[in-house]
């Protein structure tokens, strides 16, 4: 992935309440999941294979299929066969 940099060791503000920090982590995970769902659906509608999507996400084909196939089928997305 080009242009995306994540700090190796985030330095949270020690004055911030740990509960607030953890709530922020949960919110970011939920946002990341929604972004991933939309990106995977867009890729599959564009004709990408499970293998291509998996490689882009840095996971296995099986993992991406398990996570997204049921939702995509329910959304009416035409899925490609294994490549």
PDB file of N, CA and C in Angstrom:
ATOM      1  N   UNK A   1       0.847  -1.163   0.000  1.00  0.00           N
ATOM      2  CA  UNK A   1       0.000   0.000   0.000  1.00  0.00           C
ATOM      3  C   UNK A   1       0.895   1.229   0.000  1.00  0.00           C
ATOM      4  N   UNK A   2       0.732   2.077  -0.947  1.00  0.00           N
ATOM      5  CA  UNK A   2       1.594   3.225  -1.112  1.00  0.00           C
ATOM      6  C   UNK A   2       1.044   4.430  -0.372  1.00  0.00           C
ATOM      7  N   UNK A   3       1.932   5.162   0.284  1.00  0.00           N
ATOM      8  CA  UNK A   3       1.552   6.414   0.905  1.00  0.00           C
ATOM      9  C   UNK A   3       0.897   6.308   2.263  1.00  0.00           C
ATOM     10  N   UNK A   4       0.697   5.124   2.768  1.00  0.00           N
ATOM     11  CA  UNK A   4       0.067   4.968   4.070  1.00  0.00           C
ATOM     12  C   UNK A   4       1.126   4.652   5.103  1.00  0.00           C
ATOM     13  N   UNK A   5       1.221   5.494   6.110  1.00  0.00           N
ATOM     14  CA  UNK A   5       2.212   5.281   7.163  1.00  0.00           C
ATOM     15  C   UNK A   5       1.495   5.225   8.508  1.00  0.00           C
ATOM     16  N   UNK A   6       1.804   4.206   9.263  1.00  0.00           N
ATOM     17  CA  UNK A   6       1.253   4.048  10.602  1.00  0.00           C
ATOM     18  C   UNK A   6       2.422   4.083  11.565  1.00  0.00           C
ATOM     19  N   UNK A   7       2.353   4.909  12.597  1.00  0.00           N
ATOM     20  CA  UNK A   7       3.467   4.958  13.541  1.00  0.00           C
ATOM     21  C   UNK A   7       3.720   3.593  14.165  1.00  0.00           C
ATOM     22  N   UNK A   8       4.977   3.232  14.311  1.00  0.00           N
ATOM     23  CA  UNK A   8       5.334   1.940  14.902  1.00  0.00           C
ATOM     24  C   UNK A   8       4.906   1.878  16.356  1.00  0.00           C
ATOM     25  N   UNK A   9       4.995   2.983  17.050  1.00  0.00           N
ATOM     26  CA  UNK A   9       4.651   3.013  18.465  1.00  0.00           C
ATOM     27  C   UNK A   9       3.912   4.308  18.779  1.00  0.00           C
ATOM     28  N   UNK A  10       2.574   4.266  18.769  1.00  0.00           N
ATOM     29  CA  UNK A  10       1.840   5.486  19.082  1.00  0.00           C
ATOM     30  C   UNK A  10       2.146   5.959  20.490  1.00  0.00           C
ATOM     31  N   UNK A  11       2.141   7.257  20.677  1.00  0.00           N
ATOM     32  CA  UNK A  11       2.445   7.841  21.983  1.00  0.00           C
ATOM     33  C   UNK A  11       1.186   8.505  22.521  1.00  0.00           C
ATOM     34  N   UNK A  12       0.289   7.721  23.157  1.00  0.00           N
ATOM     35  CA  UNK A  12      -0.948   8.310  23.655  1.00  0.00           C
ATOM     36  C   UNK A  12      -0.666   9.303  24.776  1.00  0.00           C
ATOM     37  N   UNK A  13      -1.510  10.284  24.854  1.00  0.00           N
ATOM     38  CA  UNK A  13      -1.393  11.286  25.907  1.00  0.00           C
ATOM     39  C   UNK A  13      -1.661  10.610  27.248  1.00  0.00           C
ATOM     40  N   UNK A  14      -0.669  10.622  28.117  1.00  0.00           N
ATOM     41  CA  UNK A  14      -0.802   9.926  29.407  1.00  0.00           C
ATOM     42  C   UNK A  14      -1.831  10.580  30.312  1.00  0.00           C
ATOM     43  N   UNK A  15      -2.229  11.805  29.988  1.00  0.00           N
ATOM     44  CA  UNK A  15      -3.240  12.476  30.812  1.00  0.00           C
ATOM     45  C   UNK A  15      -4.645  12.025  30.429  1.00  0.00           C
ATOM     46  N   UNK A  16      -4.776  11.425  29.261  1.00  0.00           N
ATOM     47  CA  UNK A  16      -6.095  10.986  28.802  1.00  0.00           C
ATOM     48  C   UNK A  16      -6.511   9.725  29.548  1.00  0.00           C
ATOM     49  N   UNK A  17      -7.792   9.637  29.846  1.00  0.00           N
ATOM     50  CA  UNK A  17      -8.356   8.488  30.541  1.00  0.00           C
ATOM     51  C   UNK A  17      -8.203   7.229  29.681  1.00  0.00           C
ATOM     52  N   UNK A  18      -7.716   6.121  30.272  1.00  0.00           N
ATOM     53  CA  UNK A  18      -7.576   4.882  29.502  1.00  0.00           C
ATOM     54  C   UNK A  18      -8.898   4.418  28.886  1.00  0.00           C
ATOM     55  N   UNK A  19      -9.990   4.640  29.576  1.00  0.00           N
ATOM     56  CA  UNK A  19     -11.294   4.261  29.029  1.00  0.00           C
ATOM     57  C   UNK A  19     -11.605   5.013  27.748  1.00  0.00           C
ATOM     58  N   UNK A  20     -11.252   6.298  27.709  1.00  0.00           N
ATOM     59  CA  UNK A  20     -11.453   7.096  26.502  1.00  0.00           C
ATOM     60  C   UNK A  20     -10.556   6.593  25.375  1.00  0.00           C
ATOM     61  N   UNK A  21      -9.329   6.246  25.712  1.00  0.00           N
ATOM     62  CA  UNK A  21      -8.406   5.725  24.702  1.00  0.00           C
ATOM     63  C   UNK A  21      -8.931   4.416  24.119  1.00  0.00           C
ATOM     64  N   UNK A  22      -9.409   3.531  24.984  1.00  0.00           N
ATOM     65  CA  UNK A  22      -9.921   2.245  24.513  1.00  0.00           C
ATOM     66  C   UNK A  22     -11.188   2.424  23.683  1.00  0.00           C
ATOM     67  N   UNK A  23     -12.035   3.361  24.079  1.00  0.00           N
ATOM     68  CA  UNK A  23     -13.231   3.649  23.289  1.00  0.00           C
ATOM     69  C   UNK A  23     -12.846   4.164  21.903  1.00  0.00           C
ATOM     70  N   UNK A  24     -11.786   4.954  21.842  1.00  0.00           N
ATOM     71  CA  UNK A  24     -11.302   5.453  20.550  1.00  0.00           C
ATOM     72  C   UNK A  24     -10.794   4.302  19.687  1.00  0.00           C
ATOM     73  N   UNK A  25     -10.121   3.336  20.301  1.00  0.00           N
ATOM     74  CA  UNK A  25      -9.640   2.162  19.559  1.00  0.00           C
ATOM     75  C   UNK A  25     -10.826   1.404  18.962  1.00  0.00           C
ATOM     76  N   UNK A  26     -11.859   1.200  19.750  1.00  0.00           N
ATOM     77  CA  UNK A  26     -13.053   0.496  19.269  1.00  0.00           C
ATOM     78  C   UNK A  26     -13.682   1.257  18.103  1.00  0.00           C
ATOM     79  N   UNK A  27     -13.792   2.568  18.230  1.00  0.00           N
ATOM     80  CA  UNK A  27     -14.377   3.383  17.161  1.00  0.00           C
ATOM     81  C   UNK A  27     -13.546   3.289  15.884  1.00  0.00           C
ATOM     82  N   UNK A  28     -12.225   3.313  16.017  1.00  0.00           N
ATOM     83  CA  UNK A  28     -11.359   3.211  14.836  1.00  0.00           C
ATOM     84  C   UNK A  28     -11.481   1.844  14.179  1.00  0.00           C
ATOM     85  N   UNK A  29     -11.591   0.790  14.983  1.00  0.00           N
ATOM     86  CA  UNK A  29     -11.753  -0.552  14.416  1.00  0.00           C
ATOM     87  C   UNK A  29     -13.055  -0.659  13.637  1.00  0.00           C
ATOM     88  N   UNK A  30     -14.124  -0.104  14.196  1.00  0.00           N
ATOM     89  CA  UNK A  30     -15.419  -0.142  13.509  1.00  0.00           C
ATOM     90  C   UNK A  30     -15.356   0.637  12.201  1.00  0.00           C
ATOM     91  N   UNK A  31     -14.704   1.793  12.236  1.00  0.00           N
ATOM     92  CA  UNK A  31     -14.554   2.582  11.020  1.00  0.00           C
ATOM     93  C   UNK A  31     -13.725   1.822   9.986  1.00  0.00           C
ATOM     94  N   UNK A  32     -12.627   1.220  10.431  1.00  0.00           N
ATOM     95  CA  UNK A  32     -11.779   0.445   9.515  1.00  0.00           C
ATOM     96  C   UNK A  32     -12.568  -0.710   8.902  1.00  0.00           C
ATOM     97  N   UNK A  33     -13.407  -1.367   9.689  1.00  0.00           N
ATOM     98  CA  UNK A  33     -14.229  -2.465   9.166  1.00  0.00           C
ATOM     99  C   UNK A  33     -15.197  -1.970   8.096  1.00  0.00           C
ATOM    100  N   UNK A  34     -15.828  -0.814   8.332  1.00  0.00           N
ATOM    101  CA  UNK A  34     -16.762  -0.271   7.338  1.00  0.00           C
ATOM    102  C   UNK A  34     -16.033   0.108   6.051  1.00  0.00           C
ATOM    103  N   UNK A  35     -14.848   0.701   6.197  1.00  0.00           N
ATOM    104  CA  UNK A  35     -14.065   1.073   5.019  1.00  0.00           C
ATOM    105  C   UNK A  35     -13.652  -0.182   4.254  1.00  0.00           C
ATOM    106  N   UNK A  36     -13.213  -1.219   4.987  1.00  0.00           N
ATOM    107  CA  UNK A  36     -12.826  -2.474   4.340  1.00  0.00           C
ATOM    108  C   UNK A  36     -14.014  -3.095   3.615  1.00  0.00           C
ATOM    109  N   UNK A  37     -15.167  -3.138   4.268  1.00  0.00           N
ATOM    110  CA  UNK A  37     -16.360  -3.711   3.636  1.00  0.00           C
ATOM    111  C   UNK A  37     -16.661  -3.014   2.310  1.00  0.00           C
ATOM    112  N   UNK A  38     -16.631  -1.691   2.318  1.00  0.00           N
ATOM    113  CA  UNK A  38     -16.934  -0.927   1.108  1.00  0.00           C
ATOM    114  C   UNK A  38     -15.886  -1.163   0.026  1.00  0.00           C
ATOM    115  N   UNK A  39     -14.616  -1.201   0.416  1.00  0.00           N
ATOM    116  CA  UNK A  39     -13.541  -1.397  -0.560  1.00  0.00           C
ATOM    117  C   UNK A  39     -13.587  -2.792  -1.169  1.00  0.00           C
ATOM    118  N   UNK A  40     -13.865  -3.793  -0.351  1.00  0.00           N
ATOM    119  CA  UNK A  40     -13.957  -5.165  -0.861  1.00  0.00           C
ATOM    120  C   UNK A  40     -15.147  -5.277  -1.810  1.00  0.00           C
ATOM    121  N   UNK A  41     -16.275  -4.705  -1.430  1.00  0.00           N
ATOM    122  CA  UNK A  41     -17.440  -4.764  -2.315  1.00  0.00           C
ATOM    123  C   UNK A  41     -17.140  -4.071  -3.640  1.00  0.00           C
ATOM    124  N   UNK A  42     -16.505  -2.928  -3.584  1.00  0.00           N
ATOM    125  CA  UNK A  42     -16.174  -2.206  -4.819  1.00  0.00           C
ATOM    126  C   UNK A  42     -15.231  -3.030  -5.697  1.00  0.00           C
ATOM    127  N   UNK A  43     -14.226  -3.641  -5.073  1.00  0.00           N
ATOM    128  CA  UNK A  43     -13.274  -4.464  -5.827  1.00  0.00           C
ATOM    129  C   UNK A  43     -13.972  -5.656  -6.473  1.00  0.00           C
ATOM    130  N   UNK A  44     -14.845  -6.312  -5.724  1.00  0.00           N
ATOM    131  CA  UNK A  44     -15.532  -7.481  -6.270  1.00  0.00           C
ATOM    132  C   UNK A  44     -16.488  -7.080  -7.392  1.00  0.00           C
ATOM    133  N   UNK A  45     -17.160  -5.950  -7.249  1.00  0.00           N
ATOM    134  CA  UNK A  45     -18.036  -5.463  -8.326  1.00  0.00           C
ATOM    135  C   UNK A  45     -17.219  -5.096  -9.565  1.00  0.00           C
ATOM    136  N   UNK A  46     -15.955  -4.715  -9.358  1.00  0.00           N
ATOM    137  CA  UNK A  46     -15.070  -4.360 -10.470  1.00  0.00           C
ATOM    138  C   UNK A  46     -14.429  -5.591 -11.107  1.00  0.00           C
ATOM    139  N   UNK A  47     -14.743  -6.787 -10.565  1.00  0.00           N
ATOM    140  CA  UNK A  47     -14.248  -8.019 -11.167  1.00  0.00           C
ATOM    141  C   UNK A  47     -12.981  -8.584 -10.561  1.00  0.00           C
ATOM    142  N   UNK A  48     -12.550  -8.051  -9.430  1.00  0.00           N
ATOM    143  CA  UNK A  48     -11.365  -8.598  -8.771  1.00  0.00           C
ATOM    144  C   UNK A  48     -11.659 -10.005  -8.271  1.00  0.00           C
ATOM    145  N   UNK A  49     -10.630 -10.814  -8.203  1.00  0.00           N
ATOM    146  CA  UNK A  49     -10.754 -12.161  -7.640  1.00  0.00           C
ATOM    147  C   UNK A  49     -10.538 -12.092  -6.132  1.00  0.00           C
ATOM    148  N   UNK A  50     -10.934 -13.170  -5.458  1.00  0.00           N
ATOM    149  CA  UNK A  50     -10.675 -13.261  -4.020  1.00  0.00           C
ATOM    150  C   UNK A  50      -9.174 -13.168  -3.752  1.00  0.00           C
ATOM    151  N   UNK A  51      -8.380 -13.775  -4.609  1.00  0.00           N
ATOM    152  CA  UNK A  51      -6.923 -13.751  -4.433  1.00  0.00           C
ATOM    153  C   UNK A  51      -6.372 -12.339  -4.538  1.00  0.00           C
ATOM    154  N   UNK A  52      -6.880 -11.569  -5.486  1.00  0.00           N
ATOM    155  CA  UNK A  52      -6.417 -10.187  -5.644  1.00  0.00           C
ATOM    156  C   UNK A  52      -6.789  -9.334  -4.436  1.00  0.00           C
ATOM    157  N   UNK A  53      -8.016  -9.495  -3.967  1.00  0.00           N
ATOM    158  CA  UNK A  53      -8.460  -8.745  -2.790  1.00  0.00           C
ATOM    159  C   UNK A  53      -7.629  -9.144  -1.578  1.00  0.00           C
ATOM    160  N   UNK A  54      -7.431 -10.448  -1.408  1.00  0.00           N
ATOM    161  CA  UNK A  54      -6.653 -10.941  -0.268  1.00  0.00           C
ATOM    162  C   UNK A  54      -5.236 -10.392  -0.287  1.00  0.00           C
ATOM    163  N   UNK A  55      -4.606 -10.396  -1.452  1.00  0.00           N
ATOM    164  CA  UNK A  55      -3.240  -9.885  -1.554  1.00  0.00           C
ATOM    165  C   UNK A  55      -3.191  -8.400  -1.185  1.00  0.00           C
ATOM    166  N   UNK A  56      -4.168  -7.639  -1.653  1.00  0.00           N
ATOM    167  CA  UNK A  56      -4.209  -6.209  -1.347  1.00  0.00           C
ATOM    168  C   UNK A  56      -4.390  -5.953   0.145  1.00  0.00           C
ATOM    169  N   UNK A  57      -5.119  -6.845   0.821  1.00  0.00           N
ATOM    170  CA  UNK A  57      -5.362  -6.696   2.259  1.00  0.00           C
ATOM    171  C   UNK A  57      -4.286  -7.354   3.118  1.00  0.00           C
ATOM    172  N   UNK A  58      -3.426  -8.144   2.494  1.00  0.00           N
ATOM    173  CA  UNK A  58      -2.380  -8.821   3.256  1.00  0.00           C
ATOM    174  C   UNK A  58      -2.890  -9.989   4.076  1.00  0.00           C
ATOM    175  N   UNK A  59      -3.935 -10.652   3.559  1.00  0.00           N
ATOM    176  CA  UNK A  59      -4.506 -11.819   4.241  1.00  0.00           C
ATOM    177  C   UNK A  59      -4.633 -12.949   3.224  1.00  0.00           C
ATOM    178  N   UNK A  60      -5.111 -14.102   3.675  1.00  0.00           N
ATOM    179  CA  UNK A  60      -5.307 -15.222   2.758  1.00  0.00           C
ATOM    180  C   UNK A  60      -6.628 -15.070   2.014  1.00  0.00           C
ATOM    181  N   UNK A  61      -6.709 -15.750   0.893  1.00  0.00           N
ATOM    182  CA  UNK A  61      -7.946 -15.777   0.111  1.00  0.00           C
ATOM    183  C   UNK A  61      -9.084 -16.336   0.955  1.00  0.00           C
ATOM    184  N   UNK A  62      -8.770 -17.376   1.714  1.00  0.00           N
ATOM    185  CA  UNK A  62      -9.794 -18.009   2.548  1.00  0.00           C
ATOM    186  C   UNK A  62     -10.317 -17.035   3.608  1.00  0.00           C
ATOM    187  N   UNK A  63      -9.418 -16.256   4.189  1.00  0.00           N
ATOM    188  CA  UNK A  63      -9.827 -15.312   5.235  1.00  0.00           C
ATOM    189  C   UNK A  63     -10.755 -14.237   4.686  1.00  0.00           C
ATOM    190  N   UNK A  64     -10.406 -13.686   3.528  1.00  0.00           N
ATOM    191  CA  UNK A  64     -11.241 -12.624   2.963  1.00  0.00           C
ATOM    192  C   UNK A  64     -12.579 -13.191   2.499  1.00  0.00           C
ATOM    193  N   UNK A  65     -12.579 -14.399   1.966  1.00  0.00           N
ATOM    194  CA  UNK A  65     -13.832 -15.031   1.546  1.00  0.00           C
ATOM    195  C   UNK A  65     -14.732 -15.280   2.753  1.00  0.00           C
ATOM    196  N   UNK A  66     -14.168 -15.820   3.802  1.00  0.00           N
ATOM    197  CA  UNK A  66     -14.945 -16.120   5.009  1.00  0.00           C
ATOM    198  C   UNK A  66     -15.568 -14.855   5.597  1.00  0.00           C
ATOM    199  N   UNK A  67     -14.809 -13.772   5.583  1.00  0.00           N
ATOM    200  CA  UNK A  67     -15.273 -12.528   6.200  1.00  0.00           C
ATOM    201  C   UNK A  67     -16.330 -11.813   5.358  1.00  0.00           C
ATOM    202  N   UNK A  68     -16.223 -11.888   4.030  1.00  0.00           N
ATOM    203  CA  UNK A  68     -17.042 -11.018   3.189  1.00  0.00           C
ATOM    204  C   UNK A  68     -18.054 -11.713   2.277  1.00  0.00           C
ATOM    205  N   UNK A  69     -17.889 -12.981   1.963  1.00  0.00           N
ATOM    206  CA  UNK A  69     -18.718 -13.625   0.937  1.00  0.00           C
ATOM    207  C   UNK A  69     -20.214 -13.562   1.235  1.00  0.00           C
ATOM    208  N   UNK A  70     -20.609 -13.914   2.424  1.00  0.00           N
ATOM    209  CA  UNK A  70     -22.030 -13.966   2.758  1.00  0.00           C
ATOM    210  C   UNK A  70     -22.686 -12.589   2.592  1.00  0.00           C
ATOM    211  N   UNK A  71     -22.009 -11.559   3.067  1.00  0.00           N
ATOM    212  CA  UNK A  71     -22.540 -10.199   2.961  1.00  0.00           C
ATOM    213  C   UNK A  71     -22.639  -9.764   1.499  1.00  0.00           C
ATOM    214  N   UNK A  72     -21.619 -10.093   0.719  1.00  0.00           N
ATOM    215  CA  UNK A  72     -21.611  -9.702  -0.689  1.00  0.00           C
ATOM    216  C   UNK A  72     -22.703 -10.415  -1.477  1.00  0.00           C
ATOM    217  N   UNK A  73     -22.902 -11.688  -1.202  1.00  0.00           N
ATOM    218  CA  UNK A  73     -23.963 -12.445  -1.869  1.00  0.00           C
ATOM    219  C   UNK A  73     -25.320 -11.831  -1.531  1.00  0.00           C
ATOM    220  N   UNK A  74     -25.530 -11.499  -0.258  1.00  0.00           N
ATOM    221  CA  UNK A  74     -26.788 -10.877   0.168  1.00  0.00           C
ATOM    222  C   UNK A  74     -27.001  -9.523  -0.508  1.00  0.00           C
ATOM    223  N   UNK A  75     -25.897  -8.838  -0.822  1.00  0.00           N
ATOM    224  CA  UNK A  75     -25.977  -7.534  -1.489  1.00  0.00           C
ATOM    225  C   UNK A  75     -26.131  -7.670  -3.002  1.00  0.00           C
ATOM    226  N   UNK A  76     -26.139  -8.909  -3.496  1.00  0.00           N
ATOM    227  CA  UNK A  76     -26.322  -9.142  -4.920  1.00  0.00           C
ATOM    228  C   UNK A  76     -25.070  -8.980  -5.758  1.00  0.00           C
ATOM    229  N   UNK A  77     -23.918  -9.042  -5.118  1.00  0.00           N
ATOM    230  CA  UNK A  77     -22.655  -8.916  -5.848  1.00  0.00           C
ATOM    231  C   UNK A  77     -22.346 -10.242  -6.524  1.00  0.00           C
ATOM    232  N   UNK A  78     -22.027 -10.183  -7.801  1.00  0.00           N
ATOM    233  CA  UNK A  78     -21.651 -11.388  -8.551  1.00  0.00           C
ATOM    234  C   UNK A  78     -20.193 -11.695  -8.241  1.00  0.00           C
ATOM    235  N   UNK A  79     -19.946 -12.851  -7.656  1.00  0.00           N
ATOM    236  CA  UNK A  79     -18.604 -13.215  -7.215  1.00  0.00           C
ATOM    237  C   UNK A  79     -17.907 -14.085  -8.243  1.00  0.00           C
ATOM    238  N   UNK A  80     -16.625 -13.836  -8.406  1.00  0.00           N
ATOM    239  CA  UNK A  80     -15.806 -14.643  -9.319  1.00  0.00           C
ATOM    240  C   UNK A  80     -15.420 -15.944  -8.651  1.00  0.00           C
ATOM    241  N   UNK A  81     -15.178 -16.921  -9.466  1.00  0.00           N
ATOM    242  CA  UNK A  81     -14.665 -18.201  -8.972  1.00  0.00           C
ATOM    243  C   UNK A  81     -13.205 -18.045  -8.622  1.00  0.00           C
ATOM    244  N   UNK A  82     -12.677 -19.014  -7.927  1.00  0.00           N
ATOM    245  CA  UNK A  82     -11.278 -19.025  -7.499  1.00  0.00           C
ATOM    246  C   UNK A  82     -10.336 -18.892  -8.698  1.00  0.00           C
ATOM    247  N   UNK A  83      -9.296 -18.064  -8.503  1.00  0.00           N
ATOM    248  CA  UNK A  83      -8.274 -17.931  -9.547  1.00  0.00           C
ATOM    249  C   UNK A  83      -6.923 -18.221  -8.974  1.00  0.00           C
TER     250      UNK A  83
END
